[in-house]
């Protein structure tokens, strides 16, 4: 069982991040955090890593509903 999905697209990394952010916004999600993994690993470990960003997307109504159903779900959000 896979824990992710992926798709190859014809755009730059930054264009892809901007497009994903915009599409998430259309669906009611905001980006609460953005972690630049490449930059962090370079700074902390002095290692090179491919471009990689973690977007902390949140849809407040969905998050609230999930938290009402399971108070510990925050570990997965």
PDB file of N, CA and C in Angstrom:
ATOM      1  N   UNK A   1       0.840  -1.185   0.000  1.00  0.00           N
ATOM      2  CA  UNK A   1       0.000   0.000   0.000  1.00  0.00           C
ATOM      3  C   UNK A   1       0.888   1.252   0.000  1.00  0.00           C
ATOM      4  N   UNK A   2       0.627   2.139  -0.916  1.00  0.00           N
ATOM      5  CA  UNK A   2       1.415   3.362  -1.028  1.00  0.00           C
ATOM      6  C   UNK A   2       0.869   4.434  -0.080  1.00  0.00           C
ATOM      7  N   UNK A   3       1.730   5.240   0.446  1.00  0.00           N
ATOM      8  CA  UNK A   3       1.329   6.312   1.352  1.00  0.00           C
ATOM      9  C   UNK A   3       1.412   7.696   0.694  1.00  0.00           C
ATOM     10  N   UNK A   4       1.561   7.723  -0.609  1.00  0.00           N
ATOM     11  CA  UNK A   4       1.634   8.989  -1.332  1.00  0.00           C
ATOM     12  C   UNK A   4       1.135   8.780  -2.758  1.00  0.00           C
ATOM     13  N   UNK A   5       0.923   9.889  -3.441  1.00  0.00           N
ATOM     14  CA  UNK A   5       0.664   9.818  -4.870  1.00  0.00           C
ATOM     15  C   UNK A   5       1.550  10.852  -5.533  1.00  0.00           C
ATOM     16  N   UNK A   6       1.844  10.629  -6.795  1.00  0.00           N
ATOM     17  CA  UNK A   6       2.720  11.548  -7.509  1.00  0.00           C
ATOM     18  C   UNK A   6       2.273  11.676  -8.954  1.00  0.00           C
ATOM     19  N   UNK A   7       2.757  12.740  -9.561  1.00  0.00           N
ATOM     20  CA  UNK A   7       2.453  12.988 -10.963  1.00  0.00           C
ATOM     21  C   UNK A   7       3.594  13.821 -11.541  1.00  0.00           C
ATOM     22  N   UNK A   8       4.059  13.455 -12.707  1.00  0.00           N
ATOM     23  CA  UNK A   8       5.091  14.237 -13.391  1.00  0.00           C
ATOM     24  C   UNK A   8       4.400  15.335 -14.198  1.00  0.00           C
ATOM     25  N   UNK A   9       4.937  16.531 -14.090  1.00  0.00           N
ATOM     26  CA  UNK A   9       4.363  17.663 -14.812  1.00  0.00           C
ATOM     27  C   UNK A   9       5.475  18.417 -15.528  1.00  0.00           C
ATOM     28  N   UNK A  10       5.084  19.163 -16.536  1.00  0.00           N
ATOM     29  CA  UNK A  10       6.042  19.919 -17.333  1.00  0.00           C
ATOM     30  C   UNK A  10       6.087  21.359 -16.829  1.00  0.00           C
ATOM     31  N   UNK A  11       6.825  21.577 -15.744  1.00  0.00           N
ATOM     32  CA  UNK A  11       7.007  22.925 -15.209  1.00  0.00           C
ATOM     33  C   UNK A  11       8.224  22.924 -14.294  1.00  0.00           C
ATOM     34  N   UNK A  12       8.630  24.108 -13.886  1.00  0.00           N
ATOM     35  CA  UNK A  12       9.740  24.202 -12.941  1.00  0.00           C
ATOM     36  C   UNK A  12       9.238  23.831 -11.547  1.00  0.00           C
ATOM     37  N   UNK A  13      10.165  23.589 -10.661  1.00  0.00           N
ATOM     38  CA  UNK A  13       9.819  23.255  -9.281  1.00  0.00           C
ATOM     39  C   UNK A  13       9.000  24.378  -8.645  1.00  0.00           C
ATOM     40  N   UNK A  14       9.480  25.610  -8.777  1.00  0.00           N
ATOM     41  CA  UNK A  14       8.783  26.751  -8.172  1.00  0.00           C
ATOM     42  C   UNK A  14       7.395  26.953  -8.774  1.00  0.00           C
ATOM     43  N   UNK A  15       7.269  26.748 -10.082  1.00  0.00           N
ATOM     44  CA  UNK A  15       5.948  26.844 -10.719  1.00  0.00           C
ATOM     45  C   UNK A  15       5.013  25.775 -10.172  1.00  0.00           C
ATOM     46  N   UNK A  16       5.537  24.586  -9.963  1.00  0.00           N
ATOM     47  CA  UNK A  16       4.717  23.491  -9.431  1.00  0.00           C
ATOM     48  C   UNK A  16       4.242  23.800  -8.016  1.00  0.00           C
ATOM     49  N   UNK A  17       5.130  24.319  -7.178  1.00  0.00           N
ATOM     50  CA  UNK A  17       4.747  24.677  -5.809  1.00  0.00           C
ATOM     51  C   UNK A  17       3.675  25.763  -5.836  1.00  0.00           C
ATOM     52  N   UNK A  18       3.842  26.764  -6.684  1.00  0.00           N
ATOM     53  CA  UNK A  18       2.852  27.841  -6.796  1.00  0.00           C
ATOM     54  C   UNK A  18       1.507  27.299  -7.274  1.00  0.00           C
ATOM     55  N   UNK A  19       1.542  26.398  -8.236  1.00  0.00           N
ATOM     56  CA  UNK A  19       0.293  25.831  -8.765  1.00  0.00           C
ATOM     57  C   UNK A  19      -0.416  24.983  -7.709  1.00  0.00           C
ATOM     58  N   UNK A  20       0.335  24.155  -7.011  1.00  0.00           N
ATOM     59  CA  UNK A  20      -0.261  23.336  -5.948  1.00  0.00           C
ATOM     60  C   UNK A  20      -0.870  24.233  -4.875  1.00  0.00           C
ATOM     61  N   UNK A  21      -0.149  25.279  -4.491  1.00  0.00           N
ATOM     62  CA  UNK A  21      -0.651  26.212  -3.480  1.00  0.00           C
ATOM     63  C   UNK A  21      -1.957  26.852  -3.938  1.00  0.00           C
ATOM     64  N   UNK A  22      -2.010  27.279  -5.184  1.00  0.00           N
ATOM     65  CA  UNK A  22      -3.218  27.908  -5.735  1.00  0.00           C
ATOM     66  C   UNK A  22      -4.376  26.916  -5.801  1.00  0.00           C
ATOM     67  N   UNK A  23      -4.109  25.706  -6.241  1.00  0.00           N
ATOM     68  CA  UNK A  23      -5.175  24.698  -6.332  1.00  0.00           C
ATOM     69  C   UNK A  23      -5.692  24.315  -4.950  1.00  0.00           C
ATOM     70  N   UNK A  24      -4.809  24.229  -3.980  1.00  0.00           N
ATOM     71  CA  UNK A  24      -5.248  23.956  -2.608  1.00  0.00           C
ATOM     72  C   UNK A  24      -6.141  25.085  -2.102  1.00  0.00           C
ATOM     73  N   UNK A  25      -5.763  26.325  -2.415  1.00  0.00           N
ATOM     74  CA  UNK A  25      -6.555  27.488  -2.001  1.00  0.00           C
ATOM     75  C   UNK A  25      -7.967  27.410  -2.573  1.00  0.00           C
ATOM     76  N   UNK A  26      -8.085  26.996  -3.829  1.00  0.00           N
ATOM     77  CA  UNK A  26      -9.403  26.863  -4.461  1.00  0.00           C
ATOM     78  C   UNK A  26     -10.282  25.852  -3.734  1.00  0.00           C
ATOM     79  N   UNK A  27      -9.647  24.886  -3.072  1.00  0.00           N
ATOM     80  CA  UNK A  27     -10.376  23.841  -2.349  1.00  0.00           C
ATOM     81  C   UNK A  27     -10.540  24.166  -0.866  1.00  0.00           C
ATOM     82  N   UNK A  28     -10.197  25.386  -0.475  1.00  0.00           N
ATOM     83  CA  UNK A  28     -10.396  25.814   0.905  1.00  0.00           C
ATOM     84  C   UNK A  28      -9.233  25.552   1.846  1.00  0.00           C
ATOM     85  N   UNK A  29      -8.074  25.215   1.286  1.00  0.00           N
ATOM     86  CA  UNK A  29      -6.896  24.954   2.104  1.00  0.00           C
ATOM     87  C   UNK A  29      -5.978  26.166   2.099  1.00  0.00           C
ATOM     88  N   UNK A  30      -5.382  26.444   3.229  1.00  0.00           N
ATOM     89  CA  UNK A  30      -4.345  27.455   3.325  1.00  0.00           C
ATOM     90  C   UNK A  30      -3.041  26.773   3.682  1.00  0.00           C
ATOM     91  N   UNK A  31      -1.933  27.417   3.374  1.00  0.00           N
ATOM     92  CA  UNK A  31      -0.624  26.872   3.714  1.00  0.00           C
ATOM     93  C   UNK A  31      -0.184  27.517   5.027  1.00  0.00           C
ATOM     94  N   UNK A  32      -0.151  26.710   6.091  1.00  0.00           N
ATOM     95  CA  UNK A  32       0.247  27.206   7.403  1.00  0.00           C
ATOM     96  C   UNK A  32       1.760  27.202   7.577  1.00  0.00           C
ATOM     97  N   UNK A  33       2.411  26.223   6.966  1.00  0.00           N
ATOM     98  CA  UNK A  33       3.864  26.115   7.066  1.00  0.00           C
ATOM     99  C   UNK A  33       4.442  25.689   5.723  1.00  0.00           C
ATOM    100  N   UNK A  34       5.666  26.073   5.498  1.00  0.00           N
ATOM    101  CA  UNK A  34       6.392  25.646   4.298  1.00  0.00           C
ATOM    102  C   UNK A  34       7.822  25.342   4.718  1.00  0.00           C
ATOM    103  N   UNK A  35       8.208  24.086   4.607  1.00  0.00           N
ATOM    104  CA  UNK A  35       9.549  23.666   5.003  1.00  0.00           C
ATOM    105  C   UNK A  35      10.368  23.390   3.747  1.00  0.00           C
ATOM    106  N   UNK A  36      11.450  24.116   3.601  1.00  0.00           N
ATOM    107  CA  UNK A  36      12.372  23.898   2.491  1.00  0.00           C
ATOM    108  C   UNK A  36      13.393  22.866   2.962  1.00  0.00           C
ATOM    109  N   UNK A  37      13.144  21.611   2.629  1.00  0.00           N
ATOM    110  CA  UNK A  37      13.980  20.508   3.104  1.00  0.00           C
ATOM    111  C   UNK A  37      15.407  20.635   2.579  1.00  0.00           C
ATOM    112  N   UNK A  38      15.549  20.980   1.314  1.00  0.00           N
ATOM    113  CA  UNK A  38      16.889  21.134   0.726  1.00  0.00           C
ATOM    114  C   UNK A  38      17.707  22.156   1.513  1.00  0.00           C
ATOM    115  N   UNK A  39      17.106  23.313   1.763  1.00  0.00           N
ATOM    116  CA  UNK A  39      17.795  24.385   2.483  1.00  0.00           C
ATOM    117  C   UNK A  39      18.112  23.971   3.924  1.00  0.00           C
ATOM    118  N   UNK A  40      17.166  23.334   4.574  1.00  0.00           N
ATOM    119  CA  UNK A  40      17.359  22.915   5.963  1.00  0.00           C
ATOM    120  C   UNK A  40      18.481  21.891   6.091  1.00  0.00           C
ATOM    121  N   UNK A  41      18.497  20.901   5.192  1.00  0.00           N
ATOM    122  CA  UNK A  41      19.551  19.883   5.258  1.00  0.00           C
ATOM    123  C   UNK A  41      20.925  20.470   4.950  1.00  0.00           C
ATOM    124  N   UNK A  42      20.965  21.434   4.047  1.00  0.00           N
ATOM    125  CA  UNK A  42      22.241  22.094   3.736  1.00  0.00           C
ATOM    126  C   UNK A  42      22.734  22.863   4.960  1.00  0.00           C
ATOM    127  N   UNK A  43      21.831  23.608   5.568  1.00  0.00           N
ATOM    128  CA  UNK A  43      22.184  24.441   6.711  1.00  0.00           C
ATOM    129  C   UNK A  43      22.583  23.605   7.933  1.00  0.00           C
ATOM    130  N   UNK A  44      21.824  22.566   8.222  1.00  0.00           N
ATOM    131  CA  UNK A  44      22.039  21.786   9.443  1.00  0.00           C
ATOM    132  C   UNK A  44      23.075  20.673   9.300  1.00  0.00           C
ATOM    133  N   UNK A  45      23.138  20.059   8.120  1.00  0.00           N
ATOM    134  CA  UNK A  45      24.018  18.903   7.932  1.00  0.00           C
ATOM    135  C   UNK A  45      25.089  19.108   6.867  1.00  0.00           C
ATOM    136  N   UNK A  46      25.014  20.241   6.172  1.00  0.00           N
ATOM    137  CA  UNK A  46      25.928  20.531   5.066  1.00  0.00           C
ATOM    138  C   UNK A  46      25.924  19.414   4.023  1.00  0.00           C
ATOM    139  N   UNK A  47      24.705  18.961   3.680  1.00  0.00           N
ATOM    140  CA  UNK A  47      24.552  17.955   2.624  1.00  0.00           C
ATOM    141  C   UNK A  47      23.704  18.538   1.506  1.00  0.00           C
ATOM    142  N   UNK A  48      23.950  18.056   0.305  1.00  0.00           N
ATOM    143  CA  UNK A  48      23.147  18.468  -0.841  1.00  0.00           C
ATOM    144  C   UNK A  48      21.976  17.510  -0.988  1.00  0.00           C
ATOM    145  N   UNK A  49      20.829  18.065  -1.317  1.00  0.00           N
ATOM    146  CA  UNK A  49      19.605  17.282  -1.461  1.00  0.00           C
ATOM    147  C   UNK A  49      18.793  17.923  -2.576  1.00  0.00           C
ATOM    148  N   UNK A  50      18.061  17.144  -3.348  1.00  0.00           N
ATOM    149  CA  UNK A  50      17.239  17.731  -4.413  1.00  0.00           C
ATOM    150  C   UNK A  50      16.178  18.681  -3.842  1.00  0.00           C
ATOM    151  N   UNK A  51      15.651  19.524  -4.710  1.00  0.00           N
ATOM    152  CA  UNK A  51      14.588  20.433  -4.275  1.00  0.00           C
ATOM    153  C   UNK A  51      13.447  19.620  -3.677  1.00  0.00           C
ATOM    154  N   UNK A  52      12.997  20.050  -2.509  1.00  0.00           N
ATOM    155  CA  UNK A  52      11.974  19.299  -1.784  1.00  0.00           C
ATOM    156  C   UNK A  52      11.325  20.257  -0.795  1.00  0.00           C
ATOM    157  N   UNK A  53      10.025  20.434  -0.892  1.00  0.00           N
ATOM    158  CA  UNK A  53       9.301  21.293   0.047  1.00  0.00           C
ATOM    159  C   UNK A  53       8.159  20.515   0.661  1.00  0.00           C
ATOM    160  N   UNK A  54       7.931  20.770   1.929  1.00  0.00           N
ATOM    161  CA  UNK A  54       6.782  20.212   2.630  1.00  0.00           C
ATOM    162  C   UNK A  54       5.826  21.367   2.884  1.00  0.00           C
ATOM    163  N   UNK A  55       4.625  21.263   2.326  1.00  0.00           N
ATOM    164  CA  UNK A  55       3.607  22.290   2.518  1.00  0.00           C
ATOM    165  C   UNK A  55       2.639  21.819   3.595  1.00  0.00           C
ATOM    166  N   UNK A  56       2.520  22.593   4.637  1.00  0.00           N
ATOM    167  CA  UNK A  56       1.574  22.278   5.712  1.00  0.00           C
ATOM    168  C   UNK A  56       0.226  22.884   5.372  1.00  0.00           C
ATOM    169  N   UNK A  57      -0.573  22.144   4.621  1.00  0.00           N
ATOM    170  CA  UNK A  57      -1.874  22.634   4.160  1.00  0.00           C
ATOM    171  C   UNK A  57      -2.955  22.312   5.187  1.00  0.00           C
ATOM    172  N   UNK A  58      -3.873  23.246   5.381  1.00  0.00           N
ATOM    173  CA  UNK A  58      -4.949  23.045   6.349  1.00  0.00           C
ATOM    174  C   UNK A  58      -6.267  23.581   5.804  1.00  0.00           C
ATOM    175  N   UNK A  59      -7.308  22.792   5.969  1.00  0.00           N
ATOM    176  CA  UNK A  59      -8.675  23.217   5.688  1.00  0.00           C
ATOM    177  C   UNK A  59      -9.364  23.230   7.047  1.00  0.00           C
ATOM    178  N   UNK A  60      -9.571  24.410   7.649  1.00  0.00           N
ATOM    179  CA  UNK A  60     -10.085  24.472   9.015  1.00  0.00           C
ATOM    180  C   UNK A  60     -11.363  23.664   9.276  1.00  0.00           C
ATOM    181  N   UNK A  61     -12.386  23.715   8.406  1.00  0.00           N
ATOM    182  CA  UNK A  61     -13.566  22.889   8.695  1.00  0.00           C
ATOM    183  C   UNK A  61     -13.253  21.391   8.725  1.00  0.00           C
ATOM    184  N   UNK A  62     -12.407  20.922   7.799  1.00  0.00           N
ATOM    185  CA  UNK A  62     -12.025  19.506   7.796  1.00  0.00           C
ATOM    186  C   UNK A  62     -11.223  19.161   9.051  1.00  0.00           C
ATOM    187  N   UNK A  63     -10.291  20.041   9.413  1.00  0.00           N
ATOM    188  CA  UNK A  63      -9.466  19.794  10.594  1.00  0.00           C
ATOM    189  C   UNK A  63     -10.330  19.739  11.851  1.00  0.00           C
ATOM    190  N   UNK A  64     -11.265  20.654  11.969  1.00  0.00           N
ATOM    191  CA  UNK A  64     -12.151  20.682  13.138  1.00  0.00           C
ATOM    192  C   UNK A  64     -12.988  19.413  13.220  1.00  0.00           C
ATOM    193  N   UNK A  65     -13.540  18.998  12.096  1.00  0.00           N
ATOM    194  CA  UNK A  65     -14.350  17.779  12.061  1.00  0.00           C
ATOM    195  C   UNK A  65     -13.512  16.561  12.459  1.00  0.00           C
ATOM    196  N   UNK A  66     -12.303  16.480  11.940  1.00  0.00           N
ATOM    197  CA  UNK A  66     -11.416  15.362  12.274  1.00  0.00           C
ATOM    198  C   UNK A  66     -11.064  15.371  13.757  1.00  0.00           C
ATOM    199  N   UNK A  67     -10.774  16.548  14.304  1.00  0.00           N
ATOM    200  CA  UNK A  67     -10.424  16.656  15.719  1.00  0.00           C
ATOM    201  C   UNK A  67     -11.600  16.323  16.628  1.00  0.00           C
ATOM    202  N   UNK A  68     -12.810  16.632  16.181  1.00  0.00           N
ATOM    203  CA  UNK A  68     -13.989  16.260  16.968  1.00  0.00           C
ATOM    204  C   UNK A  68     -14.150  14.744  17.008  1.00  0.00           C
ATOM    205  N   UNK A  69     -13.847  14.088  15.912  1.00  0.00           N
ATOM    206  CA  UNK A  69     -13.992  12.633  15.832  1.00  0.00           C
ATOM    207  C   UNK A  69     -12.876  11.916  16.588  1.00  0.00           C
ATOM    208  N   UNK A  70     -11.675  12.484  16.561  1.00  0.00           N
ATOM    209  CA  UNK A  70     -10.513  11.835  17.198  1.00  0.00           C
ATOM    210  C   UNK A  70      -9.547  12.913  17.666  1.00  0.00           C
ATOM    211  N   UNK A  71      -9.512  13.160  18.955  1.00  0.00           N
ATOM    212  CA  UNK A  71      -8.721  14.272  19.492  1.00  0.00           C
ATOM    213  C   UNK A  71      -7.216  14.135  19.249  1.00  0.00           C
ATOM    214  N   UNK A  72      -6.730  12.935  19.020  1.00  0.00           N
ATOM    215  CA  UNK A  72      -5.295  12.728  18.788  1.00  0.00           C
ATOM    216  C   UNK A  72      -4.924  12.772  17.305  1.00  0.00           C
ATOM    217  N   UNK A  73      -5.889  13.079  16.444  1.00  0.00           N
ATOM    218  CA  UNK A  73      -5.643  13.087  14.997  1.00  0.00           C
ATOM    219  C   UNK A  73      -4.611  14.148  14.603  1.00  0.00           C
ATOM    220  N   UNK A  74      -4.378  15.113  15.467  1.00  0.00           N
ATOM    221  CA  UNK A  74      -3.387  16.148  15.182  1.00  0.00           C
ATOM    222  C   UNK A  74      -2.005  15.595  14.885  1.00  0.00           C
ATOM    223  N   UNK A  75      -1.716  14.395  15.377  1.00  0.00           N
ATOM    224  CA  UNK A  75      -0.422  13.782  15.078  1.00  0.00           C
ATOM    225  C   UNK A  75      -0.307  13.412  13.609  1.00  0.00           C
ATOM    226  N   UNK A  76      -1.431  13.357  12.912  1.00  0.00           N
ATOM    227  CA  UNK A  76      -1.448  12.988  11.498  1.00  0.00           C
ATOM    228  C   UNK A  76      -1.739  14.173  10.581  1.00  0.00           C
ATOM    229  N   UNK A  77      -2.111  15.297  11.134  1.00  0.00           N
ATOM    230  CA  UNK A  77      -2.486  16.448  10.302  1.00  0.00           C
ATOM    231  C   UNK A  77      -1.259  17.235   9.878  1.00  0.00           C
TER     232      UNK A  77
END
